[in-house]
Amino acid sequence: MGSEVQARVRAQAEAAKCASRALACLSSAAKDAALRAMADALTAHTEAIRKANASDLKAARAAGVRPAYLDRLALDATRIESMAEGLREASRLPDPVAGGDYETVRPNGLEIRRVRVPLGVVAIIYEARPNVTSDAAGLCLKSGNAVILRGGSDALGSNRVIASVLAHAAYAAGVPEGAIQLIETRDRAAVDAMLGLRGMIDVVIPRGGAGLIAHIVAHSRVPVIETGTGVCHTFVDETADEGMATAIAVNAKASRCSVCNAMETLLVHANIAASFLPKVTAEMERAGVTLRGCERARAICPSMEAATEEDWATEYGDLILSVRVVDTMDDAIAHIHRYGTGHSEAIVTRDLERAHRFQREVDAAAVYVNASTRFTDGHEFGFGAEIGISTQKLHARGPMGLAALTSTKYLIYGEGQIRA
């Protein structure tokens, strides 16, 4: 690892740690005023952000990246305004560290109160989407955390401008300097340097593909909250309304295929496959989706390509869908448990008992009945913006809003009590 990169990252972490202590004491009103100032600054610098983003897009196209990736990278005036509105929305949300969530008085007279507190310094390591720079900075500020951002190299120009605009606006509004920082290098050694700073960085949150997340989990000495990879399934039960199932499946796959809550595999009960598959295949193909089916699915719809074992475990992030015919709900659940990533799973059925069983037995952060997996999102769940979607079970699971960026502290009041 380059000693210069390591020293630079360490210096940024030290500054963030120092800022985090002052930031934790900042009032709700001060944080909200800073968020509004940051939103206004994004809007005011729209053209500068778009110019930097255009350069990133040009380089990405020259490198031959796929269209779905370009969609994640691209910013236009509407998306920039959406980023600004996300900050304004965060300013309107309740402060997650403003009060307590438990209190009691013990028989010996001790008064015990539990309050929410910031995690401290949060490192976000992410790919492609420059809007994450704004979302992460805003949510961390609202919850009283300093943030160190390390975005993908393809979006470095966009991230530099966005992070600079946000930081200058926040500091001018009274946020301690060092609270919002971007690692401005393409050198991958910077990531490993961050992962070694236990005690300075309190938690690492990776947002990206399976390779990025696996590397961070394997190499980090800092606690990690895993987010993301979404090999999501929709199971169309034999009792399903076929029109509803078709609409749900097409939305889950084609409304925005590049995101982690998009469906990657469609499972269809054998008793409905002959009537349902031709309908959904026609709609998927009309939406530009390439279908890869098992032998039984292809026997019904020969236009499908042949699915391989690798397909069942693949998060495409593209207009590609795997299709499998299953004999029972047990088979569907077994497939999900073998190939799923614990993100979002759905059943389409008219049988309430089967719906409840599916929800009990499928182990995922979000389990739907008669709805698209595309709703696994902080905004859609009413949390406001999210820092990511956790697929693990400790600390946070599912869409991570403000509360997931806090921990707890106990405050104890006595009058001279000592323990016998």
Protein backbone atom coordinates (compact mmCIF):
# COMPACT_ATOMS: atom_id res chain seq x y z
CA MET A 1 0.00 0.00 0.00
CA GLY A 2 1.36 3.43 -0.89
CA SER A 3 2.52 5.21 2.25
CA GLU A 4 1.42 8.58 0.84
CA VAL A 5 -2.14 7.38 0.24
CA GLN A 6 -2.23 5.71 3.64
CA ALA A 7 -1.04 8.89 5.38
CA ARG A 8 -3.58 11.04 3.53
CA VAL A 9 -6.48 8.73 4.41
CA ARG A 10 -5.36 8.57 8.03
CA ALA A 11 -5.22 12.38 8.23
CA GLN A 12 -8.74 12.62 6.84
CA ALA A 13 -9.99 10.05 9.35
CA GLU A 14 -8.35 11.96 12.23
CA ALA A 15 -10.04 15.16 11.09
CA ALA A 16 -13.37 13.36 10.81
CA LYS A 17 -13.00 11.89 14.31
CA CYS A 18 -12.34 15.32 15.75
CA ALA A 19 -15.30 16.79 13.88
CA SER A 20 -17.59 13.95 14.98
CA ARG A 21 -17.29 14.93 18.64
CA ALA A 22 -18.44 18.50 17.99
CA LEU A 23 -21.05 17.38 15.48
CA ALA A 24 -22.63 15.02 18.01
CA CYS A 25 -23.43 18.06 20.17
CA LEU A 26 -24.86 20.21 17.38
CA SER A 27 -28.50 21.18 17.89
CA SER A 28 -31.30 19.85 15.71
CA ALA A 29 -31.99 23.36 14.45
CA ALA A 30 -28.36 23.87 13.44
CA LYS A 31 -28.22 20.56 11.58
CA ASP A 32 -31.47 21.28 9.76
CA ALA A 33 -30.31 24.74 8.74
CA ALA A 34 -27.12 23.22 7.36
CA LEU A 35 -29.09 20.64 5.37
CA ARG A 36 -31.21 23.36 3.80
CA ALA A 37 -28.09 25.35 2.95
CA MET A 38 -26.56 22.27 1.34
CA ALA A 39 -29.70 21.72 -0.72
CA ASP A 40 -29.68 25.31 -1.94
CA ALA A 41 -26.00 25.01 -2.81
CA LEU A 42 -26.61 21.91 -4.94
CA THR A 43 -29.31 23.72 -6.88
CA ALA A 44 -27.12 26.80 -7.32
CA HIS A 45 -24.25 24.69 -8.68
CA THR A 46 -26.32 22.50 -10.99
CA GLU A 47 -24.36 23.46 -14.11
CA ALA A 48 -20.98 22.77 -12.51
CA ILE A 49 -22.20 19.36 -11.37
CA ARG A 50 -23.63 18.56 -14.80
CA LYS A 51 -20.39 19.59 -16.49
CA ALA A 52 -18.33 17.30 -14.27
CA ASN A 53 -20.82 14.50 -14.76
CA ALA A 54 -20.70 14.91 -18.54
CA SER A 55 -16.94 14.34 -18.40
CA ASP A 56 -17.42 11.21 -16.28
CA LEU A 57 -20.04 9.90 -18.70
CA LYS A 58 -17.81 10.56 -21.71
CA ALA A 59 -14.97 8.60 -20.14
CA ALA A 60 -17.30 5.76 -19.15
CA ARG A 61 -18.71 5.49 -22.68
CA ALA A 62 -15.18 5.43 -24.09
CA ALA A 63 -14.40 2.58 -21.70
CA GLY A 64 -17.36 0.65 -23.11
CA VAL A 65 -19.46 0.33 -19.96
CA ARG A 66 -22.98 -1.04 -20.38
CA PRO A 67 -26.04 1.21 -20.63
CA ALA A 68 -27.47 0.21 -17.23
CA TYR A 69 -24.23 1.36 -15.59
CA LEU A 70 -24.38 4.66 -17.46
CA ASP A 71 -27.90 5.17 -16.12
CA ARG A 72 -26.60 4.86 -12.56
CA LEU A 73 -23.79 7.29 -13.28
CA ALA A 74 -25.80 9.96 -15.09
CA LEU A 75 -27.02 13.19 -13.50
CA ASP A 76 -29.35 15.69 -15.11
CA ALA A 77 -31.09 18.74 -13.68
CA THR A 78 -34.01 16.64 -12.47
CA ARG A 79 -31.79 14.19 -10.59
CA ILE A 80 -29.75 16.99 -9.06
CA GLU A 81 -32.92 18.70 -7.88
CA SER A 82 -34.04 15.35 -6.46
CA MET A 83 -30.78 15.18 -4.51
CA ALA A 84 -31.44 18.68 -3.16
CA GLU A 85 -35.00 17.74 -2.23
CA GLY A 86 -33.64 14.68 -0.40
CA LEU A 87 -31.59 17.00 1.80
CA ARG A 88 -34.60 19.23 2.44
CA GLU A 89 -36.67 16.19 3.31
CA ALA A 90 -33.99 15.05 5.76
CA SER A 91 -34.18 18.47 7.42
CA ARG A 92 -37.91 17.91 8.02
CA LEU A 93 -37.50 14.48 9.59
CA PRO A 94 -37.33 14.02 13.38
CA ASP A 95 -33.83 14.15 14.81
CA PRO A 96 -32.91 10.52 15.63
CA VAL A 97 -30.58 11.60 18.46
CA ALA A 98 -32.87 14.20 20.02
CA GLY A 99 -34.34 12.06 22.78
CA GLY A 100 -34.51 8.79 24.67
CA ASP A 101 -36.37 5.58 23.91
CA TYR A 102 -36.40 3.89 27.35
CA GLU A 103 -36.35 4.88 31.00
CA THR A 104 -36.89 3.22 34.34
CA VAL A 105 -36.37 3.72 38.08
CA ARG A 106 -34.77 0.79 39.87
CA PRO A 107 -35.78 -0.34 43.40
CA ASN A 108 -32.59 1.25 44.74
CA GLY A 109 -33.64 4.63 43.33
CA LEU A 110 -31.29 4.73 40.33
CA GLU A 111 -32.89 6.47 37.35
CA ILE A 112 -31.79 4.87 34.08
CA ARG A 113 -32.46 6.38 30.67
CA ARG A 114 -31.42 5.14 27.25
CA VAL A 115 -30.78 7.72 24.51
CA ARG A 116 -29.86 7.47 20.85
CA VAL A 117 -26.37 8.69 19.93
CA PRO A 118 -24.43 8.97 16.65
CA LEU A 119 -22.16 6.13 15.58
CA GLY A 120 -19.29 8.62 15.18
CA VAL A 121 -17.38 8.40 11.89
CA VAL A 122 -19.15 6.55 9.09
CA ALA A 123 -17.25 5.52 5.97
CA ILE A 124 -19.34 4.93 2.84
CA ILE A 125 -17.65 3.04 0.01
CA TYR A 126 -19.81 2.95 -3.10
CA GLU A 127 -19.83 2.55 -6.86
CA ALA A 128 -21.18 4.54 -9.79
CA ARG A 129 -24.08 6.55 -8.35
CA PRO A 130 -22.95 10.11 -7.52
CA ASN A 131 -26.32 10.83 -5.89
CA VAL A 132 -25.10 8.63 -3.02
CA THR A 133 -22.58 11.38 -2.21
CA SER A 134 -25.41 13.75 -1.37
CA ASP A 135 -27.69 11.20 0.29
CA ALA A 136 -24.95 9.84 2.53
CA ALA A 137 -23.65 13.25 3.53
CA GLY A 138 -27.15 14.46 4.39
CA LEU A 139 -28.20 11.42 6.39
CA CYS A 140 -24.93 11.30 8.31
CA LEU A 141 -25.16 15.00 9.16
CA LYS A 142 -28.79 14.68 10.29
CA SER A 143 -27.86 11.78 12.59
CA GLY A 144 -24.82 13.61 13.97
CA ASN A 145 -22.15 11.51 12.24
CA ALA A 146 -19.06 12.63 10.39
CA VAL A 147 -18.77 10.92 7.00
CA ILE A 148 -15.88 9.83 4.80
CA LEU A 149 -16.99 9.14 1.24
CA ARG A 150 -15.17 6.96 -1.24
CA GLY A 151 -17.07 6.75 -4.51
CA GLY A 152 -16.32 4.80 -7.65
CA SER A 153 -13.51 6.00 -9.87
CA ASP A 154 -15.89 6.44 -12.82
CA ALA A 155 -17.77 9.14 -10.88
CA LEU A 156 -14.78 10.89 -9.32
CA GLY A 157 -15.27 14.18 -11.17
CA SER A 158 -18.96 14.37 -10.24
CA ASN A 159 -18.26 13.38 -6.64
CA ARG A 160 -15.52 15.99 -6.25
CA VAL A 161 -17.85 18.82 -7.21
CA ILE A 162 -20.81 17.51 -5.19
CA ALA A 163 -18.76 16.86 -2.05
CA SER A 164 -17.05 20.25 -2.29
CA VAL A 165 -20.36 22.08 -2.72
CA LEU A 166 -21.92 20.23 0.21
CA ALA A 167 -18.96 20.65 2.53
CA HIS A 168 -18.53 24.37 1.92
CA ALA A 169 -22.24 25.01 2.47
CA ALA A 170 -22.30 22.91 5.63
CA TYR A 171 -19.21 24.53 7.14
CA ALA A 172 -20.53 28.01 6.37
CA ALA A 173 -23.69 27.02 8.26
CA GLY A 174 -21.76 26.02 11.38
CA VAL A 175 -20.97 22.34 10.86
CA PRO A 176 -17.46 21.54 12.15
CA GLU A 177 -14.85 21.28 9.40
CA GLY A 178 -13.87 17.72 8.59
CA ALA A 179 -17.40 16.38 9.03
CA ILE A 180 -17.90 15.78 5.28
CA GLN A 181 -14.92 14.41 3.37
CA LEU A 182 -14.28 12.68 0.07
CA ILE A 183 -11.35 10.38 -0.65
CA GLU A 184 -10.16 11.99 -3.89
CA THR A 185 -8.06 9.28 -5.45
CA ARG A 186 -8.63 6.39 -7.82
CA ASP A 187 -5.93 4.41 -6.04
CA ARG A 188 -7.57 1.30 -4.59
CA ALA A 189 -5.04 1.37 -1.77
CA ALA A 190 -7.19 4.10 -0.23
CA VAL A 191 -9.98 1.58 0.43
CA ASP A 192 -7.67 -0.81 2.25
CA ALA A 193 -6.26 2.11 4.23
CA MET A 194 -9.78 3.00 5.39
CA LEU A 195 -10.50 -0.61 6.34
CA GLY A 196 -7.53 -0.65 8.70
CA LEU A 197 -8.49 2.44 10.71
CA ARG A 198 -10.33 0.76 13.57
CA GLY A 199 -10.78 3.28 16.35
CA MET A 200 -10.87 6.24 13.98
CA ILE A 201 -13.61 5.01 11.66
CA ASP A 202 -16.53 3.51 13.59
CA VAL A 203 -18.35 1.68 10.81
CA VAL A 204 -17.92 0.98 7.10
CA ILE A 205 -20.97 0.71 4.84
CA PRO A 206 -20.26 -0.66 1.34
CA ARG A 207 -22.74 0.02 -1.45
CA GLY A 208 -22.05 -1.77 -4.69
CA GLY A 209 -21.62 -5.13 -6.34
CA ALA A 210 -20.94 -8.46 -4.72
CA GLY A 211 -17.19 -8.21 -5.39
CA LEU A 212 -16.82 -4.88 -3.59
CA ILE A 213 -18.84 -6.05 -0.59
CA ALA A 214 -16.99 -9.37 -0.33
CA HIS A 215 -13.62 -7.59 -0.40
CA ILE A 216 -14.61 -5.19 2.36
CA VAL A 217 -16.10 -7.89 4.59
CA ALA A 218 -12.99 -10.06 4.15
CA HIS A 219 -10.41 -7.30 4.78
CA SER A 220 -11.96 -4.77 7.14
CA ARG A 221 -10.82 -4.36 10.73
CA VAL A 222 -13.60 -1.80 11.11
CA PRO A 223 -17.15 -3.10 11.75
CA VAL A 224 -19.10 -3.47 8.49
CA ILE A 225 -22.80 -3.16 7.72
CA GLU A 226 -23.37 -5.15 4.53
CA THR A 227 -25.75 -3.63 2.03
CA GLY A 228 -26.94 -4.48 -1.30
CA THR A 229 -26.59 -7.35 -3.55
CA GLY A 230 -30.08 -8.21 -4.63
CA VAL A 231 -30.77 -11.53 -6.32
CA CYS A 232 -34.49 -10.93 -5.82
CA HIS A 233 -37.27 -13.36 -6.77
CA THR A 234 -40.98 -13.25 -7.52
CA PHE A 235 -42.91 -16.50 -7.11
CA VAL A 236 -46.15 -16.72 -9.08
CA ASP A 237 -48.32 -19.19 -7.16
CA GLU A 238 -50.85 -21.46 -8.85
CA THR A 239 -53.68 -19.34 -7.40
CA ALA A 240 -52.28 -16.02 -8.67
CA ASP A 241 -54.29 -13.51 -10.65
CA GLU A 242 -52.39 -13.67 -13.93
CA GLY A 243 -52.97 -10.04 -14.86
CA MET A 244 -51.73 -8.87 -11.46
CA ALA A 245 -48.76 -11.24 -11.62
CA THR A 246 -47.75 -9.97 -15.05
CA ALA A 247 -47.93 -6.32 -14.01
CA ILE A 248 -45.94 -7.00 -10.83
CA ALA A 249 -43.27 -9.01 -12.63
CA VAL A 250 -42.76 -6.47 -15.41
CA ASN A 251 -42.51 -3.63 -12.88
CA ALA A 252 -40.11 -5.58 -10.68
CA LYS A 253 -37.78 -6.25 -13.61
CA ALA A 254 -38.15 -3.44 -16.10
CA SER A 255 -39.08 -0.25 -14.21
CA ARG A 256 -35.41 0.23 -13.31
CA CYS A 257 -33.32 -2.85 -13.85
CA SER A 258 -30.04 -1.45 -12.53
CA VAL A 259 -31.08 -1.18 -8.87
CA CYS A 260 -30.68 -3.80 -6.14
CA ASN A 261 -34.42 -4.25 -5.54
CA ALA A 262 -35.10 -5.27 -9.14
CA MET A 263 -36.24 -8.85 -9.68
CA GLU A 264 -33.63 -11.17 -11.19
CA THR A 265 -35.50 -14.51 -11.20
CA LEU A 266 -39.17 -15.30 -11.85
CA LEU A 267 -40.42 -18.57 -10.35
CA VAL A 268 -43.70 -19.92 -11.76
CA HIS A 269 -45.84 -22.74 -10.36
CA ALA A 270 -46.15 -25.58 -12.87
CA ASN A 271 -49.95 -25.56 -12.62
CA ILE A 272 -50.15 -22.03 -14.02
CA ALA A 273 -47.07 -22.00 -16.26
CA ALA A 274 -48.76 -22.96 -19.54
CA SER A 275 -51.23 -20.09 -19.39
CA PHE A 276 -49.12 -17.48 -17.58
CA LEU A 277 -45.68 -17.76 -19.19
CA PRO A 278 -46.73 -16.75 -22.73
CA LYS A 279 -48.41 -13.62 -21.36
CA VAL A 280 -45.54 -12.49 -19.17
CA THR A 281 -42.97 -13.40 -21.85
CA ALA A 282 -44.73 -11.18 -24.38
CA GLU A 283 -44.81 -8.26 -21.95
CA MET A 284 -41.20 -8.73 -20.90
CA GLU A 285 -40.00 -8.87 -24.49
CA ARG A 286 -42.05 -5.76 -25.27
CA ALA A 287 -40.15 -4.04 -22.44
CA GLY A 288 -36.81 -5.12 -23.92
CA VAL A 289 -36.07 -7.87 -21.40
CA THR A 290 -34.01 -10.90 -22.45
CA LEU A 291 -35.37 -14.09 -20.85
CA ARG A 292 -33.27 -17.09 -19.83
CA GLY A 293 -35.41 -20.07 -18.91
CA CYS A 294 -35.15 -23.58 -17.58
CA GLU A 295 -36.02 -26.45 -19.92
CA ARG A 296 -39.65 -26.50 -18.80
CA ALA A 297 -40.06 -22.76 -19.32
CA ARG A 298 -38.45 -22.94 -22.76
CA ALA A 299 -40.74 -25.79 -23.77
CA ILE A 300 -43.64 -23.37 -23.27
CA CYS A 301 -41.85 -20.24 -24.61
CA PRO A 302 -39.11 -21.28 -27.09
CA SER A 303 -37.99 -17.66 -27.56
CA MET A 304 -36.23 -17.83 -24.19
CA GLU A 305 -32.51 -18.43 -24.08
CA ALA A 306 -31.28 -21.41 -22.05
CA ALA A 307 -30.53 -20.58 -18.41
CA THR A 308 -27.33 -21.89 -16.83
CA GLU A 309 -26.59 -22.68 -13.21
CA GLU A 310 -24.72 -19.38 -13.00
CA ASP A 311 -27.83 -17.43 -14.04
CA TRP A 312 -29.77 -18.40 -10.92
CA ALA A 313 -27.16 -16.75 -8.69
CA THR A 314 -26.55 -13.66 -10.85
CA GLU A 315 -27.55 -10.10 -10.04
CA TYR A 316 -27.78 -8.84 -13.61
CA GLY A 317 -28.48 -5.16 -12.99
CA ASP A 318 -29.68 -5.23 -16.58
CA LEU A 319 -32.70 -6.13 -18.72
CA ILE A 320 -32.11 -9.86 -18.31
CA LEU A 321 -34.39 -12.20 -16.35
CA SER A 322 -34.07 -15.85 -15.34
CA VAL A 323 -37.26 -17.93 -15.37
CA ARG A 324 -37.84 -21.27 -13.66
CA VAL A 325 -40.91 -23.49 -13.44
CA VAL A 326 -41.35 -25.16 -10.02
CA ASP A 327 -43.75 -27.89 -8.92
CA THR A 328 -44.55 -26.62 -5.43
CA MET A 329 -44.14 -23.66 -3.13
CA ASP A 330 -41.61 -25.76 -1.21
CA ASP A 331 -39.52 -25.88 -4.38
CA ALA A 332 -39.82 -22.09 -4.82
CA ILE A 333 -38.75 -21.43 -1.23
CA ALA A 334 -35.86 -23.88 -1.54
CA HIS A 335 -34.68 -22.12 -4.71
CA ILE A 336 -34.85 -18.72 -2.97
CA HIS A 337 -32.89 -19.96 0.03
CA ARG A 338 -30.22 -21.48 -2.22
CA TYR A 339 -29.72 -18.56 -4.59
CA GLY A 340 -31.18 -15.49 -2.88
CA THR A 341 -29.14 -12.84 -1.10
CA GLY A 342 -31.62 -12.01 1.66
CA HIS A 343 -32.75 -8.78 0.04
CA SER A 344 -36.35 -8.77 -1.27
CA GLU A 345 -38.64 -11.65 -2.21
CA ALA A 346 -42.27 -11.70 -3.37
CA ILE A 347 -45.18 -14.06 -3.84
CA VAL A 348 -48.22 -13.40 -6.02
CA THR A 349 -51.18 -15.44 -4.75
CA ARG A 350 -54.88 -15.31 -3.90
CA ASP A 351 -54.42 -17.79 -1.05
CA LEU A 352 -53.89 -15.88 2.22
CA GLU A 353 -52.65 -18.95 4.08
CA ARG A 354 -49.99 -19.60 1.44
CA ALA A 355 -49.05 -15.90 1.51
CA HIS A 356 -48.50 -16.01 5.27
CA ARG A 357 -46.51 -19.22 5.01
CA PHE A 358 -44.26 -17.68 2.36
CA GLN A 359 -43.63 -14.67 4.58
CA ARG A 360 -42.84 -16.88 7.59
CA GLU A 361 -40.48 -19.23 5.81
CA VAL A 362 -38.59 -16.96 3.41
CA ASP A 363 -35.55 -15.43 5.10
CA ALA A 364 -35.06 -11.96 3.61
CA ALA A 365 -35.04 -8.35 4.71
CA ALA A 366 -38.32 -7.66 2.86
CA VAL A 367 -40.95 -10.25 1.92
CA TYR A 368 -43.88 -9.10 -0.23
CA VAL A 369 -47.34 -10.44 -0.96
CA ASN A 370 -48.90 -9.24 -4.23
CA ALA A 371 -46.53 -6.30 -4.73
CA SER A 372 -43.34 -5.48 -6.62
CA THR A 373 -39.95 -5.86 -4.95
CA ARG A 374 -39.14 -2.39 -6.26
CA PHE A 375 -40.71 -0.89 -3.14
CA THR A 376 -37.75 -1.87 -0.93
CA ASP A 377 -36.58 1.70 -0.57
CA GLY A 378 -36.28 4.18 2.27
CA HIS A 379 -38.57 6.73 0.62
CA GLU A 380 -41.23 4.13 -0.16
CA PHE A 381 -41.16 2.79 3.40
CA GLY A 382 -41.62 6.29 4.78
CA PHE A 383 -38.13 6.60 6.29
CA GLY A 384 -36.99 9.42 4.01
CA ALA A 385 -33.72 8.87 2.18
CA GLU A 386 -31.72 5.75 2.99
CA ILE A 387 -28.06 5.02 3.49
CA GLY A 388 -28.48 1.60 1.88
CA ILE A 389 -30.41 -1.65 2.23
CA SER A 390 -28.87 -4.00 4.75
CA THR A 391 -29.02 -7.71 3.97
CA GLN A 392 -27.50 -8.81 7.27
CA LYS A 393 -29.23 -9.31 10.61
CA LEU A 394 -27.10 -7.50 13.18
CA HIS A 395 -27.70 -3.84 14.01
CA ALA A 396 -29.84 -3.02 10.98
CA ARG A 397 -31.79 -4.91 8.33
CA GLY A 398 -33.65 -3.67 5.27
CA PRO A 399 -33.76 0.00 4.22
CA MET A 400 -31.47 1.92 6.56
CA GLY A 401 -32.86 5.30 7.48
CA LEU A 402 -31.67 7.70 10.15
CA ALA A 403 -32.23 5.39 13.12
CA ALA A 404 -29.84 2.83 11.62
CA LEU A 405 -27.04 5.43 11.83
CA THR A 406 -27.32 5.65 15.60
CA SER A 407 -26.43 3.55 18.60
CA THR A 408 -27.43 3.88 22.24
CA LYS A 409 -26.01 5.26 25.46
CA TYR A 410 -27.33 4.83 29.01
CA LEU A 411 -27.61 7.82 31.33
CA ILE A 412 -27.83 6.90 35.03
CA TYR A 413 -28.81 9.32 37.82
CA GLY A 414 -28.18 8.49 41.48
CA GLU A 415 -28.09 10.00 44.93
CA GLY A 416 -25.07 8.32 46.37
CA GLN A 417 -26.02 4.70 45.72
CA ILE A 418 -23.23 2.12 45.99
CA ARG A 419 -23.41 -1.54 45.10
CA ALA A 420 -23.31 -4.06 47.92
